[in-house]
Amino acid sequence: MEACAGSHFLGRVLREQGHEVRLMPAQYVKPYVKTNKNDYIDAEAIAEAVGRPRMRFVPIKSDEQLDMQSMHRARERWVRNRTALLNQIRGLLLERGITIRKGRRHAEGALPTILEDAEANLTGMMRQLLGRLTSELKQLEVQIAEIDAMIAGKADDQEACQRLMGIPGIGPITATAIVSAVGNGTEFRKGRGFSAWLGLTPAEYSTGGKQKLLGISKRGNGYLRKLLVHGARAVLQFRDKQSPGLRAWLGQLVSRAHRNVVTIALANKIARMAWAILAKGETYRPPSMANNMEAAAPQLVA
């Protein structure tokens, strides 16, 4: 079957009845659709695609994995709503000549002062509106904090998540997101395949025997990619607190390439380490050599 809404439930039901179930990403089935889409042509395309020797399959997720993914999707929607709300508040205040520094903490700290300032260029109706928007913002903060606590609790209960959180740049949110998305990661033969599925490898456009690499491909799971990139950015920002080997390796990369390029490269390494930990049952070992990039990098990937 195609991996779509309800496919994991149907896959478990059919497996309990003795069938062998395989789920395929819809984008890998689409090239085999001959003409206009209908149920018969879709079934024909699925039957043809499943026989391809290099077809990739999606493992059927357990109820626990689906529960965790549901929590992440709800959290992501609340975070988007919070960002949209803050941008709206900032825009409404700007029309009244009041500016707020970028950043959620700055906005949250400035709003009470603005509402209490009698000399601010705000009408009574505008103050009432800002009060309601501020209350909505506080409610979103409470919801996000509560679901973060739930996710952290789940991460503490899962041994795989505990091992993942040993990697610099991976916390409870990223660890649970990875486990809920890929399980033990065995559907990927190598860490490179997992990183490519996340879209963290360069897109290639080569012709005439000349290799040309573009930006990252941005394929696969955009949510996981975003979490890993944010984690890599945090590691770079606080690289002075990392192990000597990792700190030296990052320092050499930063001296040779743009910071954004280094961030993506580090996110790629983190993704490969996460795959090795899940698929091979390993634990993270910080690079031990402080001044040797070639010695530090293989340990980082392993």
C-alpha atoms as a PDB file:
ATOM      1  CA  MET A   1       0.000   0.000   0.000  1.00  0.00           C
ATOM      2  CA  GLU A   2       0.943   3.631  -0.263  1.00  0.00           C
ATOM      3  CA  ALA A   3       2.001   5.180   3.041  1.00  0.00           C
ATOM      4  CA  CYS A   4      -0.865   7.579   3.644  1.00  0.00           C
ATOM      5  CA  ALA A   5      -3.409   8.479   6.319  1.00  0.00           C
ATOM      6  CA  GLY A   6      -4.680   5.291   7.953  1.00  0.00           C
ATOM      7  CA  SER A   7      -2.114   3.040   6.256  1.00  0.00           C
ATOM      8  CA  HIS A   8      -0.338   2.125   9.507  1.00  0.00           C
ATOM      9  CA  PHE A   9      -3.620   1.072  11.111  1.00  0.00           C
ATOM     10  CA  LEU A  10      -4.660  -0.956   8.066  1.00  0.00           C
ATOM     11  CA  GLY A  11      -1.176  -2.454   7.842  1.00  0.00           C
ATOM     12  CA  ARG A  12      -1.345  -3.749  11.420  1.00  0.00           C
ATOM     13  CA  VAL A  13      -4.850  -5.142  10.886  1.00  0.00           C
ATOM     14  CA  LEU A  14      -3.840  -6.962   7.682  1.00  0.00           C
ATOM     15  CA  ARG A  15      -0.650  -8.252   9.302  1.00  0.00           C
ATOM     16  CA  GLU A  16      -2.713  -9.749  12.137  1.00  0.00           C
ATOM     17  CA  GLN A  17      -4.700 -11.604   9.470  1.00  0.00           C
ATOM     18  CA  GLY A  18      -1.522 -13.231   8.155  1.00  0.00           C
ATOM     19  CA  HIS A  19      -0.730 -10.940   5.242  1.00  0.00           C
ATOM     20  CA  GLU A  20       2.706  -9.550   4.429  1.00  0.00           C
ATOM     21  CA  VAL A  21       2.318  -5.785   4.415  1.00  0.00           C
ATOM     22  CA  ARG A  22       4.640  -3.271   2.781  1.00  0.00           C
ATOM     23  CA  LEU A  23       4.124   0.480   2.743  1.00  0.00           C
ATOM     24  CA  MET A  24       5.691   2.628   0.029  1.00  0.00           C
ATOM     25  CA  PRO A  25       6.056   6.427   0.001  1.00  0.00           C
ATOM     26  CA  ALA A  26       3.549   7.918  -2.413  1.00  0.00           C
ATOM     27  CA  GLN A  27       6.255   9.856  -4.287  1.00  0.00           C
ATOM     28  CA  TYR A  28       7.967   6.580  -5.177  1.00  0.00           C
ATOM     29  CA  VAL A  29       4.743   5.105  -6.551  1.00  0.00           C
ATOM     30  CA  LYS A  30       3.695   8.149  -8.593  1.00  0.00           C
ATOM     31  CA  PRO A  31       6.195   7.568 -11.476  1.00  0.00           C
ATOM     32  CA  TYR A  32       4.401   4.303 -12.275  1.00  0.00           C
ATOM     33  CA  VAL A  33       0.966   5.908 -12.679  1.00  0.00           C
ATOM     34  CA  LYS A  34       0.361   5.677 -16.432  1.00  0.00           C
ATOM     35  CA  THR A  35      -2.541   8.028 -17.139  1.00  0.00           C
ATOM     36  CA  ASN A  36      -5.224   9.880 -15.224  1.00  0.00           C
ATOM     37  CA  LYS A  37      -5.535   8.893 -11.589  1.00  0.00           C
ATOM     38  CA  ASN A  38      -8.204   6.429 -10.429  1.00  0.00           C
ATOM     39  CA  ASP A  39      -8.330   3.495  -8.028  1.00  0.00           C
ATOM     40  CA  TYR A  40      -7.586   0.843 -10.662  1.00  0.00           C
ATOM     41  CA  ILE A  41      -4.619   2.731 -12.120  1.00  0.00           C
ATOM     42  CA  ASP A  42      -3.310   3.424  -8.605  1.00  0.00           C
ATOM     43  CA  ALA A  43      -3.480  -0.283  -7.754  1.00  0.00           C
ATOM     44  CA  GLU A  44      -1.686  -1.126 -10.970  1.00  0.00           C
ATOM     45  CA  ALA A  45       1.051   1.391 -10.184  1.00  0.00           C
ATOM     46  CA  ILE A  46       1.469  -0.007  -6.660  1.00  0.00           C
ATOM     47  CA  ALA A  47       1.732  -3.552  -8.017  1.00  0.00           C
ATOM     48  CA  GLU A  48       4.415  -2.455 -10.467  1.00  0.00           C
ATOM     49  CA  ALA A  49       6.333  -0.324  -7.998  1.00  0.00           C
ATOM     50  CA  VAL A  50       6.534  -3.006  -5.294  1.00  0.00           C
ATOM     51  CA  GLY A  51       8.480  -5.254  -7.643  1.00  0.00           C
ATOM     52  CA  ARG A  52      11.279  -2.754  -8.238  1.00  0.00           C
ATOM     53  CA  PRO A  53      14.543  -4.109  -6.790  1.00  0.00           C
ATOM     54  CA  ARG A  54      15.552  -0.801  -5.180  1.00  0.00           C
ATOM     55  CA  MET A  55      12.135   0.266  -3.883  1.00  0.00           C
ATOM     56  CA  ARG A  56      12.168   1.788  -0.403  1.00  0.00           C
ATOM     57  CA  PHE A  57       9.557   0.836   2.155  1.00  0.00           C
ATOM     58  CA  VAL A  58       8.147   2.499   5.248  1.00  0.00           C
ATOM     59  CA  PRO A  59       8.035   0.417   8.453  1.00  0.00           C
ATOM     60  CA  ILE A  60       4.618   0.107  10.050  1.00  0.00           C
ATOM     61  CA  LYS A  61       4.518   2.312  13.111  1.00  0.00           C
ATOM     62  CA  SER A  62       3.333   1.146  16.510  1.00  0.00           C
ATOM     63  CA  ASP A  63       0.627   2.900  18.503  1.00  0.00           C
ATOM     64  CA  GLU A  64       3.333   4.392  20.733  1.00  0.00           C
ATOM     65  CA  GLN A  65       5.133   5.874  17.719  1.00  0.00           C
ATOM     66  CA  LEU A  66       1.881   7.290  16.336  1.00  0.00           C
ATOM     67  CA  ASP A  67       1.054   8.781  19.745  1.00  0.00           C
ATOM     68  CA  MET A  68       4.425  10.507  19.866  1.00  0.00           C
ATOM     69  CA  GLN A  69       4.089  11.807  16.319  1.00  0.00           C
ATOM     70  CA  SER A  70       0.657  13.169  17.174  1.00  0.00           C
ATOM     71  CA  MET A  71       2.137  15.056  20.124  1.00  0.00           C
ATOM     72  CA  HIS A  72       4.837  16.530  17.922  1.00  0.00           C
ATOM     73  CA  ARG A  73       2.316  17.628  15.299  1.00  0.00           C
ATOM     74  CA  ALA A  74       0.143  19.316  17.903  1.00  0.00           C
ATOM     75  CA  ARG A  75       3.184  21.026  19.414  1.00  0.00           C
ATOM     76  CA  GLU A  76       4.375  22.233  16.028  1.00  0.00           C
ATOM     77  CA  ARG A  77       0.964  23.769  15.291  1.00  0.00           C
ATOM     78  CA  TRP A  78       0.950  25.572  18.642  1.00  0.00           C
ATOM     79  CA  VAL A  79       4.458  26.906  17.986  1.00  0.00           C
ATOM     80  CA  ARG A  80       3.377  28.182  14.557  1.00  0.00           C
ATOM     81  CA  ASN A  81       0.312  29.815  16.103  1.00  0.00           C
ATOM     82  CA  ARG A  82       2.479  31.482  18.742  1.00  0.00           C
ATOM     83  CA  THR A  83       4.854  32.845  16.102  1.00  0.00           C
ATOM     84  CA  ALA A  84       1.949  34.136  13.988  1.00  0.00           C
ATOM     85  CA  LEU A  85       0.359  35.751  17.027  1.00  0.00           C
ATOM     86  CA  LEU A  86       3.585  37.510  18.033  1.00  0.00           C
ATOM     87  CA  ASN A  87       4.061  38.792  14.492  1.00  0.00           C
ATOM     88  CA  GLN A  88       0.503  40.118  14.482  1.00  0.00           C
ATOM     89  CA  ILE A  89       0.994  41.893  17.809  1.00  0.00           C
ATOM     90  CA  ARG A  90       4.271  43.395  16.602  1.00  0.00           C
ATOM     91  CA  GLY A  91       2.591  44.625  13.406  1.00  0.00           C
ATOM     92  CA  LEU A  92      -0.377  46.148  15.229  1.00  0.00           C
ATOM     93  CA  LEU A  93       1.909  48.015  17.615  1.00  0.00           C
ATOM     94  CA  LEU A  94       4.133  49.226  14.790  1.00  0.00           C
ATOM     95  CA  GLU A  95       1.113  50.951  13.237  1.00  0.00           C
ATOM     96  CA  ARG A  96       0.873  52.957  16.485  1.00  0.00           C
ATOM     97  CA  GLY A  97       4.549  53.860  16.442  1.00  0.00           C
ATOM     98  CA  ILE A  98       5.589  51.275  19.045  1.00  0.00           C
ATOM     99  CA  THR A  99       8.418  48.912  18.119  1.00  0.00           C
ATOM    100  CA  ILE A 100       9.497  45.721  19.852  1.00  0.00           C
ATOM    101  CA  ARG A 101      12.837  43.966  19.437  1.00  0.00           C
ATOM    102  CA  LYS A 102      12.873  40.735  17.510  1.00  0.00           C
ATOM    103  CA  GLY A 103      12.577  37.630  19.624  1.00  0.00           C
ATOM    104  CA  ARG A 104       9.771  36.031  21.556  1.00  0.00           C
ATOM    105  CA  ARG A 105      11.216  36.852  24.987  1.00  0.00           C
ATOM    106  CA  HIS A 106      11.541  40.535  24.136  1.00  0.00           C
ATOM    107  CA  ALA A 107       7.911  40.708  23.005  1.00  0.00           C
ATOM    108  CA  GLU A 108       6.617  38.861  26.061  1.00  0.00           C
ATOM    109  CA  GLY A 109       8.600  41.144  28.361  1.00  0.00           C
ATOM    110  CA  ALA A 110       7.528  44.361  26.628  1.00  0.00           C
ATOM    111  CA  LEU A 111       3.780  43.719  26.370  1.00  0.00           C
ATOM    112  CA  PRO A 112       2.890  44.238  30.077  1.00  0.00           C
ATOM    113  CA  THR A 113       4.885  47.474  30.142  1.00  0.00           C
ATOM    114  CA  ILE A 114       3.171  48.746  26.993  1.00  0.00           C
ATOM    115  CA  LEU A 115      -0.291  47.955  28.323  1.00  0.00           C
ATOM    116  CA  GLU A 116       0.456  49.730  31.626  1.00  0.00           C
ATOM    117  CA  ASP A 117       1.969  52.810  29.967  1.00  0.00           C
ATOM    118  CA  ALA A 118      -0.691  55.512  30.092  1.00  0.00           C
ATOM    119  CA  GLU A 119       1.295  57.714  27.719  1.00  0.00           C
ATOM    120  CA  ALA A 120       1.458  55.076  24.966  1.00  0.00           C
ATOM    121  CA  ASN A 121      -0.386  56.030  21.777  1.00  0.00           C
ATOM    122  CA  LEU A 122      -3.105  53.413  22.279  1.00  0.00           C
ATOM    123  CA  THR A 123      -6.880  53.810  22.338  1.00  0.00           C
ATOM    124  CA  GLY A 124      -9.058  52.034  24.865  1.00  0.00           C
ATOM    125  CA  MET A 125     -10.252  49.556  22.245  1.00  0.00           C
ATOM    126  CA  MET A 126      -6.671  48.810  21.210  1.00  0.00           C
ATOM    127  CA  ARG A 127      -5.672  48.167  24.817  1.00  0.00           C
ATOM    128  CA  GLN A 128      -8.562  45.723  25.204  1.00  0.00           C
ATOM    129  CA  LEU A 129      -7.538  43.935  22.008  1.00  0.00           C
ATOM    130  CA  LEU A 130      -3.906  43.692  23.091  1.00  0.00           C
ATOM    131  CA  GLY A 131      -5.035  42.347  26.453  1.00  0.00           C
ATOM    132  CA  ARG A 132      -6.967  39.556  24.747  1.00  0.00           C
ATOM    133  CA  LEU A 133      -4.065  38.773  22.421  1.00  0.00           C
ATOM    134  CA  THR A 134      -1.709  38.672  25.401  1.00  0.00           C
ATOM    135  CA  SER A 135      -4.043  36.227  27.171  1.00  0.00           C
ATOM    136  CA  GLU A 136      -4.099  34.047  24.058  1.00  0.00           C
ATOM    137  CA  LEU A 137      -0.299  34.141  23.960  1.00  0.00           C
ATOM    138  CA  LYS A 138      -0.060  33.039  27.599  1.00  0.00           C
ATOM    139  CA  GLN A 139      -2.456  30.164  26.919  1.00  0.00           C
ATOM    140  CA  LEU A 140      -0.300  28.972  24.018  1.00  0.00           C
ATOM    141  CA  GLU A 141       2.768  29.180  26.252  1.00  0.00           C
ATOM    142  CA  VAL A 142       1.086  26.976  28.846  1.00  0.00           C
ATOM    143  CA  GLN A 143       0.050  24.405  26.227  1.00  0.00           C
ATOM    144  CA  ILE A 144       3.541  24.251  24.732  1.00  0.00           C
ATOM    145  CA  ALA A 145       5.165  23.957  28.164  1.00  0.00           C
ATOM    146  CA  GLU A 146       2.806  21.129  29.145  1.00  0.00           C
ATOM    147  CA  ILE A 147       3.411  19.132  25.981  1.00  0.00           C
ATOM    148  CA  ASP A 148       7.169  19.708  26.289  1.00  0.00           C
ATOM    149  CA  ALA A 149       6.989  18.158  29.763  1.00  0.00           C
ATOM    150  CA  MET A 150       5.057  15.181  28.372  1.00  0.00           C
ATOM    151  CA  ILE A 151       7.614  14.673  25.600  1.00  0.00           C
ATOM    152  CA  ALA A 152      10.488  14.920  28.092  1.00  0.00           C
ATOM    153  CA  GLY A 153       8.813  12.288  30.250  1.00  0.00           C
ATOM    154  CA  LYS A 154       8.481   9.943  27.274  1.00  0.00           C
ATOM    155  CA  ALA A 155      12.141  10.501  26.397  1.00  0.00           C
ATOM    156  CA  ASP A 156      13.194   9.532  29.924  1.00  0.00           C
ATOM    157  CA  ASP A 157      11.192   6.295  29.652  1.00  0.00           C
ATOM    158  CA  GLN A 158      12.789   5.144  26.369  1.00  0.00           C
ATOM    159  CA  GLU A 159      16.303   3.758  26.345  1.00  0.00           C
ATOM    160  CA  ALA A 160      16.838   4.626  22.672  1.00  0.00           C
ATOM    161  CA  CYS A 161      15.967   8.259  23.342  1.00  0.00           C
ATOM    162  CA  GLN A 162      18.377   8.340  26.263  1.00  0.00           C
ATOM    163  CA  ARG A 163      21.220   7.186  24.005  1.00  0.00           C
ATOM    164  CA  LEU A 164      20.273   9.703  21.327  1.00  0.00           C
ATOM    165  CA  MET A 165      20.312  12.540  23.845  1.00  0.00           C
ATOM    166  CA  GLY A 166      23.989  11.819  24.474  1.00  0.00           C
ATOM    167  CA  ILE A 167      24.737  13.367  21.068  1.00  0.00           C
ATOM    168  CA  PRO A 168      25.431  17.118  21.200  1.00  0.00           C
ATOM    169  CA  GLY A 169      22.522  18.992  19.639  1.00  0.00           C
ATOM    170  CA  ILE A 170      19.871  16.357  20.395  1.00  0.00           C
ATOM    171  CA  GLY A 171      17.447  16.874  23.275  1.00  0.00           C
ATOM    172  CA  PRO A 172      14.151  15.230  24.251  1.00  0.00           C
ATOM    173  CA  ILE A 173      12.143  16.796  21.413  1.00  0.00           C
ATOM    174  CA  THR A 174      14.559  15.767  18.661  1.00  0.00           C
ATOM    175  CA  ALA A 175      15.201  12.322  20.165  1.00  0.00           C
ATOM    176  CA  THR A 176      11.513  11.417  20.437  1.00  0.00           C
ATOM    177  CA  ALA A 177      10.830  12.835  16.965  1.00  0.00           C
ATOM    178  CA  ILE A 178      13.532  10.620  15.444  1.00  0.00           C
ATOM    179  CA  VAL A 179      12.397   7.458  17.233  1.00  0.00           C
ATOM    180  CA  SER A 180       8.738   8.052  16.396  1.00  0.00           C
ATOM    181  CA  ALA A 181       9.603   8.648  12.729  1.00  0.00           C
ATOM    182  CA  VAL A 182      12.111   5.871  11.969  1.00  0.00           C
ATOM    183  CA  GLY A 183      11.994   3.469  14.924  1.00  0.00           C
ATOM    184  CA  ASN A 184      15.340   1.648  15.027  1.00  0.00           C
ATOM    185  CA  GLY A 185      16.404   3.044  11.644  1.00  0.00           C
ATOM    186  CA  THR A 186      17.088  -0.349  10.069  1.00  0.00           C
ATOM    187  CA  GLU A 187      15.199   0.543   6.872  1.00  0.00           C
ATOM    188  CA  PHE A 188      18.243   2.657   5.994  1.00  0.00           C
ATOM    189  CA  ARG A 189      21.359   0.725   5.014  1.00  0.00           C
ATOM    190  CA  LYS A 190      23.734   3.501   6.055  1.00  0.00           C
ATOM    191  CA  GLY A 191      23.727   6.754   7.942  1.00  0.00           C
ATOM    192  CA  ARG A 192      24.222   8.487   4.600  1.00  0.00           C
ATOM    193  CA  GLY A 193      20.849   7.158   3.453  1.00  0.00           C
ATOM    194  CA  PHE A 194      19.144   8.496   6.570  1.00  0.00           C
ATOM    195  CA  SER A 195      20.779  11.894   6.088  1.00  0.00           C
ATOM    196  CA  ALA A 196      19.737  11.934   2.421  1.00  0.00           C
ATOM    197  CA  TRP A 197      16.151  11.091   3.400  1.00  0.00           C
ATOM    198  CA  LEU A 198      16.207  14.142   5.671  1.00  0.00           C
ATOM    199  CA  GLY A 199      17.380  16.315   2.772  1.00  0.00           C
ATOM    200  CA  LEU A 200      20.673  17.236   4.441  1.00  0.00           C
ATOM    201  CA  THR A 201      22.893  16.158   1.542  1.00  0.00           C
ATOM    202  CA  PRO A 202      23.710  18.429  -1.427  1.00  0.00           C
ATOM    203  CA  ALA A 203      21.390  18.192  -4.423  1.00  0.00           C
ATOM    204  CA  GLU A 204      23.348  17.115  -7.489  1.00  0.00           C
ATOM    205  CA  TYR A 205      22.840  18.463 -10.997  1.00  0.00           C
ATOM    206  CA  SER A 206      25.498  16.864 -13.181  1.00  0.00           C
ATOM    207  CA  THR A 207      25.688  16.596 -16.950  1.00  0.00           C
ATOM    208  CA  GLY A 208      28.431  15.994 -19.474  1.00  0.00           C
ATOM    209  CA  GLY A 209      30.559  14.202 -16.920  1.00  0.00           C
ATOM    210  CA  LYS A 210      30.958  17.320 -14.770  1.00  0.00           C
ATOM    211  CA  GLN A 211      29.735  17.144 -11.178  1.00  0.00           C
ATOM    212  CA  LYS A 212      27.763  20.136  -9.945  1.00  0.00           C
ATOM    213  CA  LEU A 213      26.509  20.286  -6.356  1.00  0.00           C
ATOM    214  CA  LEU A 214      23.758  22.681  -5.367  1.00  0.00           C
ATOM    215  CA  GLY A 215      22.207  23.437  -1.965  1.00  0.00           C
ATOM    216  CA  ILE A 216      20.749  20.770   0.301  1.00  0.00           C
ATOM    217  CA  SER A 217      17.993  18.749  -1.376  1.00  0.00           C
ATOM    218  CA  LYS A 218      15.352  19.401   1.351  1.00  0.00           C
ATOM    219  CA  ARG A 219      13.701  16.048   0.690  1.00  0.00           C
ATOM    220  CA  GLY A 220      12.030  13.779   3.197  1.00  0.00           C
ATOM    221  CA  ASN A 221      11.025  14.805   6.704  1.00  0.00           C
ATOM    222  CA  GLY A 222      11.250  18.589   6.924  1.00  0.00           C
ATOM    223  CA  TYR A 223      10.316  18.619  10.615  1.00  0.00           C
ATOM    224  CA  LEU A 224      13.246  16.395  11.604  1.00  0.00           C
ATOM    225  CA  ARG A 225      15.562  18.358   9.347  1.00  0.00           C
ATOM    226  CA  LYS A 226      14.561  21.594  11.055  1.00  0.00           C
ATOM    227  CA  LEU A 227      15.146  20.131  14.529  1.00  0.00           C
ATOM    228  CA  LEU A 228      18.584  18.812  13.589  1.00  0.00           C
ATOM    229  CA  VAL A 229      19.619  22.114  12.006  1.00  0.00           C
ATOM    230  CA  HIS A 230      18.500  24.017  15.115  1.00  0.00           C
ATOM    231  CA  GLY A 231      20.430  21.559  17.257  1.00  0.00           C
ATOM    232  CA  ALA A 232      23.550  21.983  15.130  1.00  0.00           C
ATOM    233  CA  ARG A 233      23.222  25.758  15.370  1.00  0.00           C
ATOM    234  CA  ALA A 234      23.070  25.503  19.170  1.00  0.00           C
ATOM    235  CA  VAL A 235      26.199  23.312  19.249  1.00  0.00           C
ATOM    236  CA  LEU A 236      28.070  25.874  17.148  1.00  0.00           C
ATOM    237  CA  GLN A 237      26.896  28.739  19.330  1.00  0.00           C
ATOM    238  CA  PHE A 238      28.143  26.994  22.476  1.00  0.00           C
ATOM    239  CA  ARG A 239      31.049  25.081  20.951  1.00  0.00           C
ATOM    240  CA  ASP A 240      33.334  26.259  23.747  1.00  0.00           C
ATOM    241  CA  LYS A 241      31.390  23.940  26.068  1.00  0.00           C
ATOM    242  CA  GLN A 242      31.834  20.870  23.844  1.00  0.00           C
ATOM    243  CA  SER A 243      34.478  18.150  24.170  1.00  0.00           C
ATOM    244  CA  PRO A 244      38.033  19.116  23.093  1.00  0.00           C
ATOM    245  CA  GLY A 245      37.992  16.970  19.959  1.00  0.00           C
ATOM    246  CA  LEU A 246      34.625  18.225  18.766  1.00  0.00           C
ATOM    247  CA  ARG A 247      35.546  21.812  19.617  1.00  0.00           C
ATOM    248  CA  ALA A 248      38.751  21.580  17.573  1.00  0.00           C
ATOM    249  CA  TRP A 249      36.968  19.990  14.617  1.00  0.00           C
ATOM    250  CA  LEU A 250      34.273  22.668  14.611  1.00  0.00           C
ATOM    251  CA  GLY A 251      36.874  25.402  14.933  1.00  0.00           C
ATOM    252  CA  GLN A 252      38.671  24.184  11.819  1.00  0.00           C
ATOM    253  CA  LEU A 253      35.412  23.986   9.876  1.00  0.00           C
ATOM    254  CA  VAL A 254      34.344  27.491  10.899  1.00  0.00           C
ATOM    255  CA  SER A 255      37.725  28.872   9.793  1.00  0.00           C
ATOM    256  CA  ARG A 256      37.312  27.395   6.303  1.00  0.00           C
ATOM    257  CA  ALA A 257      33.599  27.752   5.476  1.00  0.00           C
ATOM    258  CA  HIS A 258      30.609  29.992   6.069  1.00  0.00           C
ATOM    259  CA  ARG A 259      28.837  29.451   9.358  1.00  0.00           C
ATOM    260  CA  ASN A 260      25.620  28.311   7.632  1.00  0.00           C
ATOM    261  CA  VAL A 261      27.541  25.712   5.628  1.00  0.00           C
ATOM    262  CA  VAL A 262      29.157  24.429   8.818  1.00  0.00           C
ATOM    263  CA  THR A 263      25.723  24.254  10.481  1.00  0.00           C
ATOM    264  CA  ILE A 264      24.347  21.996   7.733  1.00  0.00           C
ATOM    265  CA  ALA A 265      27.504  19.872   7.746  1.00  0.00           C
ATOM    266  CA  LEU A 266      27.179  19.396  11.501  1.00  0.00           C
ATOM    267  CA  ALA A 267      23.460  18.570  11.196  1.00  0.00           C
ATOM    268  CA  ASN A 268      24.434  15.940   8.621  1.00  0.00           C
ATOM    269  CA  LYS A 269      26.961  14.427  11.060  1.00  0.00           C
ATOM    270  CA  ILE A 270      24.425  14.448  13.880  1.00  0.00           C
ATOM    271  CA  ALA A 271      21.901  12.629  11.673  1.00  0.00           C
ATOM    272  CA  ARG A 272      24.445   9.944  10.801  1.00  0.00           C
ATOM    273  CA  MET A 273      25.381   9.486  14.441  1.00  0.00           C
ATOM    274  CA  ALA A 274      21.700   9.163  15.346  1.00  0.00           C
ATOM    275  CA  TRP A 275      21.280   6.406  12.757  1.00  0.00           C
ATOM    276  CA  ALA A 276      24.339   4.518  14.051  1.00  0.00           C
ATOM    277  CA  ILE A 277      23.062   4.700  17.618  1.00  0.00           C
ATOM    278  CA  LEU A 278      19.617   3.391  16.659  1.00  0.00           C
ATOM    279  CA  ALA A 279      20.545   0.793  14.039  1.00  0.00           C
ATOM    280  CA  LYS A 280      23.683  -0.566  15.693  1.00  0.00           C
ATOM    281  CA  GLY A 281      22.809  -0.076  19.343  1.00  0.00           C
ATOM    282  CA  GLU A 282      25.833   2.153  19.917  1.00  0.00           C
ATOM    283  CA  THR A 283      26.362   5.035  22.312  1.00  0.00           C
ATOM    284  CA  TYR A 284      27.918   8.401  21.592  1.00  0.00           C
ATOM    285  CA  ARG A 285      31.646   8.687  22.250  1.00  0.00           C
ATOM    286  CA  PRO A 286      33.063  12.225  22.197  1.00  0.00           C
ATOM    287  CA  PRO A 287      36.162  12.687  20.011  1.00  0.00           C
ATOM    288  CA  SER A 288      39.200  12.361  22.230  1.00  0.00           C
ATOM    289  CA  MET A 289      41.914  14.059  20.170  1.00  0.00           C
ATOM    290  CA  ALA A 290      41.801  17.832  20.548  1.00  0.00           C
ATOM    291  CA  ASN A 291      43.911  18.940  17.588  1.00  0.00           C
ATOM    292  CA  ASN A 292      43.437  16.293  14.921  1.00  0.00           C
ATOM    293  CA  MET A 293      40.434  16.830  12.663  1.00  0.00           C
ATOM    294  CA  GLU A 294      40.956  13.608  10.729  1.00  0.00           C
ATOM    295  CA  ALA A 295      40.952  11.589  13.957  1.00  0.00           C
ATOM    296  CA  ALA A 296      38.038  13.467  15.473  1.00  0.00           C
ATOM    297  CA  ALA A 297      35.651  13.315  12.524  1.00  0.00           C
ATOM    298  CA  PRO A 298      35.397   9.474  12.195  1.00  0.00           C
ATOM    299  CA  GLN A 299      34.623   9.148  15.895  1.00  0.00           C
ATOM    300  CA  LEU A 300      31.964  11.821  15.516  1.00  0.00           C
ATOM    301  CA  VAL A 301      30.284   9.852  12.728  1.00  0.00           C
ATOM    302  CA  ALA A 302      30.631   6.384  14.235  1.00  0.00           C
END
